[in-house]
Amino acid sequence: MRRALGRPRATASLVSSLGGSAVDNARQAVASLAQQIAERRSLAPSAPGLPLGPGEMATLPREECLDLLRGKTVGRMAYVARAGVPDIAPVNYVLSGSDVLVRSGPGPKLQAAERRELVAFEVDDVDDEASTGWSVVLVGRAQRLTPAQLQSLDEGELPVPWVAGPRHGVIRIRPTRITGRRLG
């Protein structure tokens, strides 16, 4: 193949034999991206602060996302479990500033935090009958808090797990991105 790269005719022949030219592939990729961008724009949320009609969606500002998170105690944490398999688990949480704190017992959530994995955290509220609701998604690094970090927190600042059993580990998710949407 090295010899073919040095000869334009041989290279063109090699690319053709692999199923088309690089230019054709690039054109197809650009056309596909342009179509996806046009479709995405048609789904664009309404401007924040405006009243929403049925089926309209609005992007929520960061502060409203944090306010909505403060009003709930159960969310879903998405992380990579064993063998690279993604998993999502419902968890009890509290908001500490903009950080999410989760109690966990031994297992894959805590292991992901010990590896300082990038995780996602989601909270929502949906009215099925009215087809309305909101969703907030936070993405950030998970970290298991050390005993010294835990001592600096009051017991009231920690989430209260609904599940029985030892939940001594505390995971902090420090967000790098917070997004939210409301459906009218």
C-alpha atoms as a PDB file:
ATOM      1  CA  MET A   1       0.000   0.000   0.000  1.00  0.00           C
ATOM      2  CA  ARG A   2       2.944   2.360   0.570  1.00  0.00           C
ATOM      3  CA  ARG A   3       3.859   2.155  -3.101  1.00  0.00           C
ATOM      4  CA  ALA A   4       0.275   2.942  -4.097  1.00  0.00           C
ATOM      5  CA  LEU A   5       0.291   6.122  -1.994  1.00  0.00           C
ATOM      6  CA  GLY A   6       3.199   7.455  -3.992  1.00  0.00           C
ATOM      7  CA  ARG A   7       1.408   7.006  -7.324  1.00  0.00           C
ATOM      8  CA  PRO A   8      -1.755   9.047  -7.984  1.00  0.00           C
ATOM      9  CA  ARG A   9      -3.243   6.542 -10.452  1.00  0.00           C
ATOM     10  CA  ALA A  10      -2.649   3.597  -8.164  1.00  0.00           C
ATOM     11  CA  THR A  11      -4.121   5.508  -5.221  1.00  0.00           C
ATOM     12  CA  ALA A  12      -7.266   6.440  -7.160  1.00  0.00           C
ATOM     13  CA  SER A  13      -7.630   2.834  -8.237  1.00  0.00           C
ATOM     14  CA  LEU A  14      -7.223   1.627  -4.658  1.00  0.00           C
ATOM     15  CA  VAL A  15      -9.834   4.116  -3.356  1.00  0.00           C
ATOM     16  CA  SER A  16     -12.257   3.116  -6.137  1.00  0.00           C
ATOM     17  CA  SER A  17     -11.835  -0.538  -5.328  1.00  0.00           C
ATOM     18  CA  LEU A  18     -12.719   0.202  -1.695  1.00  0.00           C
ATOM     19  CA  GLY A  19     -16.204   1.370  -2.636  1.00  0.00           C
ATOM     20  CA  GLY A  20     -16.086   4.869  -4.097  1.00  0.00           C
ATOM     21  CA  SER A  21     -13.937   7.902  -4.039  1.00  0.00           C
ATOM     22  CA  ALA A  22     -13.048   9.908  -0.992  1.00  0.00           C
ATOM     23  CA  VAL A  23     -14.679  12.928  -2.634  1.00  0.00           C
ATOM     24  CA  ASP A  24     -17.975  11.021  -3.043  1.00  0.00           C
ATOM     25  CA  ASN A  25     -17.817   9.919   0.578  1.00  0.00           C
ATOM     26  CA  ALA A  26     -17.121  13.477   1.734  1.00  0.00           C
ATOM     27  CA  ARG A  27     -20.028  14.830  -0.358  1.00  0.00           C
ATOM     28  CA  GLN A  28     -22.388  12.264   1.137  1.00  0.00           C
ATOM     29  CA  ALA A  29     -21.215  13.098   4.654  1.00  0.00           C
ATOM     30  CA  VAL A  30     -21.705  16.842   4.107  1.00  0.00           C
ATOM     31  CA  ALA A  31     -25.183  16.300   2.633  1.00  0.00           C
ATOM     32  CA  SER A  32     -26.142  14.090   5.569  1.00  0.00           C
ATOM     33  CA  LEU A  33     -24.880  16.658   8.102  1.00  0.00           C
ATOM     34  CA  ALA A  34     -26.730  19.480   6.330  1.00  0.00           C
ATOM     35  CA  GLN A  35     -29.963  17.472   6.470  1.00  0.00           C
ATOM     36  CA  GLN A  36     -29.471  16.673  10.159  1.00  0.00           C
ATOM     37  CA  ILE A  37     -28.792  20.341  10.973  1.00  0.00           C
ATOM     38  CA  ALA A  38     -31.940  21.435   9.121  1.00  0.00           C
ATOM     39  CA  GLU A  39     -34.021  18.832  10.969  1.00  0.00           C
ATOM     40  CA  ARG A  40     -32.491  19.820  14.315  1.00  0.00           C
ATOM     41  CA  ARG A  41     -33.324  23.495  13.678  1.00  0.00           C
ATOM     42  CA  SER A  42     -36.951  22.575  13.060  1.00  0.00           C
ATOM     43  CA  LEU A  43     -36.973  21.023  16.554  1.00  0.00           C
ATOM     44  CA  ALA A  44     -35.386  24.097  18.148  1.00  0.00           C
ATOM     45  CA  PRO A  45     -36.880  25.054  21.509  1.00  0.00           C
ATOM     46  CA  SER A  46     -38.876  28.258  21.976  1.00  0.00           C
ATOM     47  CA  ALA A  47     -37.203  31.274  23.536  1.00  0.00           C
ATOM     48  CA  PRO A  48     -36.975  31.126  27.356  1.00  0.00           C
ATOM     49  CA  GLY A  49     -39.626  33.033  29.297  1.00  0.00           C
ATOM     50  CA  LEU A  50     -42.341  32.926  26.631  1.00  0.00           C
ATOM     51  CA  PRO A  51     -45.583  31.062  27.342  1.00  0.00           C
ATOM     52  CA  LEU A  52     -45.552  27.617  25.781  1.00  0.00           C
ATOM     53  CA  GLY A  53     -48.317  26.252  23.633  1.00  0.00           C
ATOM     54  CA  PRO A  54     -49.159  22.554  23.417  1.00  0.00           C
ATOM     55  CA  GLY A  55     -46.167  20.578  22.185  1.00  0.00           C
ATOM     56  CA  GLU A  56     -43.793  23.547  22.336  1.00  0.00           C
ATOM     57  CA  MET A  57     -40.472  23.155  24.099  1.00  0.00           C
ATOM     58  CA  ALA A  58     -38.262  25.755  25.802  1.00  0.00           C
ATOM     59  CA  THR A  59     -34.665  25.609  26.945  1.00  0.00           C
ATOM     60  CA  LEU A  60     -34.276  26.363  30.644  1.00  0.00           C
ATOM     61  CA  PRO A  61     -31.615  28.741  31.969  1.00  0.00           C
ATOM     62  CA  ARG A  62     -29.021  27.289  34.351  1.00  0.00           C
ATOM     63  CA  GLU A  63     -30.491  28.907  37.489  1.00  0.00           C
ATOM     64  CA  GLU A  64     -33.961  27.511  36.756  1.00  0.00           C
ATOM     65  CA  CYS A  65     -32.393  24.072  36.232  1.00  0.00           C
ATOM     66  CA  LEU A  66     -30.735  24.307  39.655  1.00  0.00           C
ATOM     67  CA  ASP A  67     -33.995  25.479  41.271  1.00  0.00           C
ATOM     68  CA  LEU A  68     -35.831  22.493  39.781  1.00  0.00           C
ATOM     69  CA  LEU A  69     -33.114  20.121  41.041  1.00  0.00           C
ATOM     70  CA  ARG A  70     -33.421  21.599  44.543  1.00  0.00           C
ATOM     71  CA  GLY A  71     -37.126  20.752  44.557  1.00  0.00           C
ATOM     72  CA  LYS A  72     -36.642  17.001  44.072  1.00  0.00           C
ATOM     73  CA  THR A  73     -34.877  14.191  45.948  1.00  0.00           C
ATOM     74  CA  VAL A  74     -34.799  11.371  43.358  1.00  0.00           C
ATOM     75  CA  GLY A  75     -32.907  11.372  40.089  1.00  0.00           C
ATOM     76  CA  ARG A  76     -31.200   8.930  37.753  1.00  0.00           C
ATOM     77  CA  MET A  77     -27.451   8.494  37.560  1.00  0.00           C
ATOM     78  CA  ALA A  78     -26.000   7.146  34.315  1.00  0.00           C
ATOM     79  CA  TYR A  79     -22.516   5.674  34.530  1.00  0.00           C
ATOM     80  CA  VAL A  80     -20.310   3.010  33.005  1.00  0.00           C
ATOM     81  CA  ALA A  81     -20.506  -0.210  34.989  1.00  0.00           C
ATOM     82  CA  ARG A  82     -18.338  -3.295  34.700  1.00  0.00           C
ATOM     83  CA  ALA A  83     -16.984  -4.309  31.302  1.00  0.00           C
ATOM     84  CA  GLY A  84     -17.821  -0.939  29.768  1.00  0.00           C
ATOM     85  CA  VAL A  85     -21.584  -1.473  29.930  1.00  0.00           C
ATOM     86  CA  PRO A  86     -23.648   1.694  30.510  1.00  0.00           C
ATOM     87  CA  ASP A  87     -26.153   1.607  33.350  1.00  0.00           C
ATOM     88  CA  ILE A  88     -28.743   3.947  34.847  1.00  0.00           C
ATOM     89  CA  ALA A  89     -29.910   3.755  38.441  1.00  0.00           C
ATOM     90  CA  PRO A  90     -32.451   5.783  40.422  1.00  0.00           C
ATOM     91  CA  VAL A  91     -30.771   7.487  43.388  1.00  0.00           C
ATOM     92  CA  ASN A  92     -31.624   9.819  46.242  1.00  0.00           C
ATOM     93  CA  TYR A  93     -29.660  13.057  46.069  1.00  0.00           C
ATOM     94  CA  VAL A  94     -29.229  16.564  47.415  1.00  0.00           C
ATOM     95  CA  LEU A  95     -27.868  19.603  45.673  1.00  0.00           C
ATOM     96  CA  SER A  96     -24.850  21.251  47.316  1.00  0.00           C
ATOM     97  CA  GLY A  97     -24.280  24.468  45.405  1.00  0.00           C
ATOM     98  CA  SER A  98     -24.387  23.078  41.878  1.00  0.00           C
ATOM     99  CA  ASP A  99     -22.874  19.713  42.888  1.00  0.00           C
ATOM    100  CA  VAL A 100     -25.050  16.625  43.229  1.00  0.00           C
ATOM    101  CA  LEU A 101     -24.406  14.422  46.270  1.00  0.00           C
ATOM    102  CA  VAL A 102     -25.524  10.775  46.214  1.00  0.00           C
ATOM    103  CA  ARG A 103     -25.167   8.118  48.917  1.00  0.00           C
ATOM    104  CA  SER A 104     -24.169   4.683  47.706  1.00  0.00           C
ATOM    105  CA  GLY A 105     -23.288   1.298  49.043  1.00  0.00           C
ATOM    106  CA  PRO A 106     -20.554  -0.854  47.525  1.00  0.00           C
ATOM    107  CA  GLY A 107     -21.073  -1.524  43.834  1.00  0.00           C
ATOM    108  CA  PRO A 108     -20.649  -0.162  40.327  1.00  0.00           C
ATOM    109  CA  LYS A 109     -21.855   3.414  41.035  1.00  0.00           C
ATOM    110  CA  LEU A 110     -19.275   3.832  43.762  1.00  0.00           C
ATOM    111  CA  GLN A 111     -16.611   2.160  41.617  1.00  0.00           C
ATOM    112  CA  ALA A 112     -17.345   4.609  38.779  1.00  0.00           C
ATOM    113  CA  ALA A 113     -16.881   7.473  41.262  1.00  0.00           C
ATOM    114  CA  GLU A 114     -13.613   5.990  42.515  1.00  0.00           C
ATOM    115  CA  ARG A 115     -12.405   5.933  38.877  1.00  0.00           C
ATOM    116  CA  ARG A 116     -13.613   9.552  38.527  1.00  0.00           C
ATOM    117  CA  GLU A 117     -15.741   8.627  35.538  1.00  0.00           C
ATOM    118  CA  LEU A 118     -17.715  11.089  33.490  1.00  0.00           C
ATOM    119  CA  VAL A 119     -21.374  10.494  34.392  1.00  0.00           C
ATOM    120  CA  ALA A 120     -24.791  11.924  33.617  1.00  0.00           C
ATOM    121  CA  PHE A 121     -27.515  12.734  36.099  1.00  0.00           C
ATOM    122  CA  GLU A 122     -31.155  13.393  35.167  1.00  0.00           C
ATOM    123  CA  VAL A 123     -34.241  14.577  37.022  1.00  0.00           C
ATOM    124  CA  ASP A 124     -37.645  15.184  35.500  1.00  0.00           C
ATOM    125  CA  ASP A 125     -41.270  15.804  36.264  1.00  0.00           C
ATOM    126  CA  VAL A 126     -43.878  14.665  33.744  1.00  0.00           C
ATOM    127  CA  ASP A 127     -47.652  15.013  33.538  1.00  0.00           C
ATOM    128  CA  ASP A 128     -48.672  12.158  31.206  1.00  0.00           C
ATOM    129  CA  GLU A 129     -52.277  13.339  30.843  1.00  0.00           C
ATOM    130  CA  ALA A 130     -51.387  16.928  29.928  1.00  0.00           C
ATOM    131  CA  SER A 131     -48.257  15.936  27.914  1.00  0.00           C
ATOM    132  CA  THR A 132     -46.227  18.530  29.803  1.00  0.00           C
ATOM    133  CA  GLY A 133     -43.160  18.410  31.971  1.00  0.00           C
ATOM    134  CA  TRP A 134     -39.527  19.309  32.373  1.00  0.00           C
ATOM    135  CA  SER A 135     -36.181  17.558  32.391  1.00  0.00           C
ATOM    136  CA  VAL A 136     -32.769  18.622  33.685  1.00  0.00           C
ATOM    137  CA  VAL A 137     -29.583  16.794  32.679  1.00  0.00           C
ATOM    138  CA  LEU A 138     -26.275  17.377  34.365  1.00  0.00           C
ATOM    139  CA  VAL A 139     -22.964  15.947  33.080  1.00  0.00           C
ATOM    140  CA  GLY A 140     -19.786  15.891  35.127  1.00  0.00           C
ATOM    141  CA  ARG A 141     -17.093  13.892  36.875  1.00  0.00           C
ATOM    142  CA  ALA A 142     -18.112  11.637  39.721  1.00  0.00           C
ATOM    143  CA  GLN A 143     -15.861  11.478  42.758  1.00  0.00           C
ATOM    144  CA  ARG A 144     -16.088   9.477  45.958  1.00  0.00           C
ATOM    145  CA  LEU A 145     -15.773  11.844  48.895  1.00  0.00           C
ATOM    146  CA  THR A 146     -12.990  11.075  51.349  1.00  0.00           C
ATOM    147  CA  PRO A 147     -13.623  10.769  55.106  1.00  0.00           C
ATOM    148  CA  ALA A 148     -12.088  14.249  55.574  1.00  0.00           C
ATOM    149  CA  GLN A 149     -14.428  15.730  52.960  1.00  0.00           C
ATOM    150  CA  LEU A 150     -17.385  14.022  54.624  1.00  0.00           C
ATOM    151  CA  GLN A 151     -16.453  15.477  58.032  1.00  0.00           C
ATOM    152  CA  SER A 152     -16.712  18.981  56.586  1.00  0.00           C
ATOM    153  CA  LEU A 153     -20.398  18.332  55.750  1.00  0.00           C
ATOM    154  CA  ASP A 154     -23.284  18.395  58.204  1.00  0.00           C
ATOM    155  CA  GLU A 155     -25.496  15.293  58.306  1.00  0.00           C
ATOM    156  CA  GLY A 156     -28.365  17.485  57.047  1.00  0.00           C
ATOM    157  CA  GLU A 157     -26.385  18.271  53.902  1.00  0.00           C
ATOM    158  CA  LEU A 158     -26.290  14.594  52.893  1.00  0.00           C
ATOM    159  CA  PRO A 159     -29.013  12.724  51.025  1.00  0.00           C
ATOM    160  CA  VAL A 160     -31.207  10.306  52.926  1.00  0.00           C
ATOM    161  CA  PRO A 161     -31.397   7.012  51.017  1.00  0.00           C
ATOM    162  CA  TRP A 162     -34.760   5.300  50.708  1.00  0.00           C
ATOM    163  CA  VAL A 163     -33.143   1.885  50.363  1.00  0.00           C
ATOM    164  CA  ALA A 164     -32.164  -0.007  53.519  1.00  0.00           C
ATOM    165  CA  GLY A 165     -28.626  -1.204  54.070  1.00  0.00           C
ATOM    166  CA  PRO A 166     -25.225   0.378  54.401  1.00  0.00           C
ATOM    167  CA  ARG A 167     -24.881   3.462  52.220  1.00  0.00           C
ATOM    168  CA  HIS A 168     -21.678   4.927  53.627  1.00  0.00           C
ATOM    169  CA  GLY A 169     -20.115   6.071  50.369  1.00  0.00           C
ATOM    170  CA  VAL A 170     -20.947   9.557  49.125  1.00  0.00           C
ATOM    171  CA  ILE A 171     -20.534  10.446  45.470  1.00  0.00           C
ATOM    172  CA  ARG A 172     -20.150  14.046  44.340  1.00  0.00           C
ATOM    173  CA  ILE A 173     -20.964  14.906  40.745  1.00  0.00           C
ATOM    174  CA  ARG A 174     -19.398  18.241  39.855  1.00  0.00           C
ATOM    175  CA  PRO A 175     -21.177  19.436  36.701  1.00  0.00           C
ATOM    176  CA  THR A 176     -19.388  20.626  33.605  1.00  0.00           C
ATOM    177  CA  ARG A 177     -22.721  20.994  31.784  1.00  0.00           C
ATOM    178  CA  ILE A 178     -26.274  21.595  32.999  1.00  0.00           C
ATOM    179  CA  THR A 179     -29.125  21.668  30.501  1.00  0.00           C
ATOM    180  CA  GLY A 180     -32.870  21.683  30.899  1.00  0.00           C
ATOM    181  CA  ARG A 181     -36.017  21.739  28.829  1.00  0.00           C
ATOM    182  CA  ARG A 182     -39.668  22.349  29.543  1.00  0.00           C
ATOM    183  CA  LEU A 183     -42.491  20.975  27.399  1.00  0.00           C
ATOM    184  CA  GLY A 184     -45.686  23.071  27.291  1.00  0.00           C
END
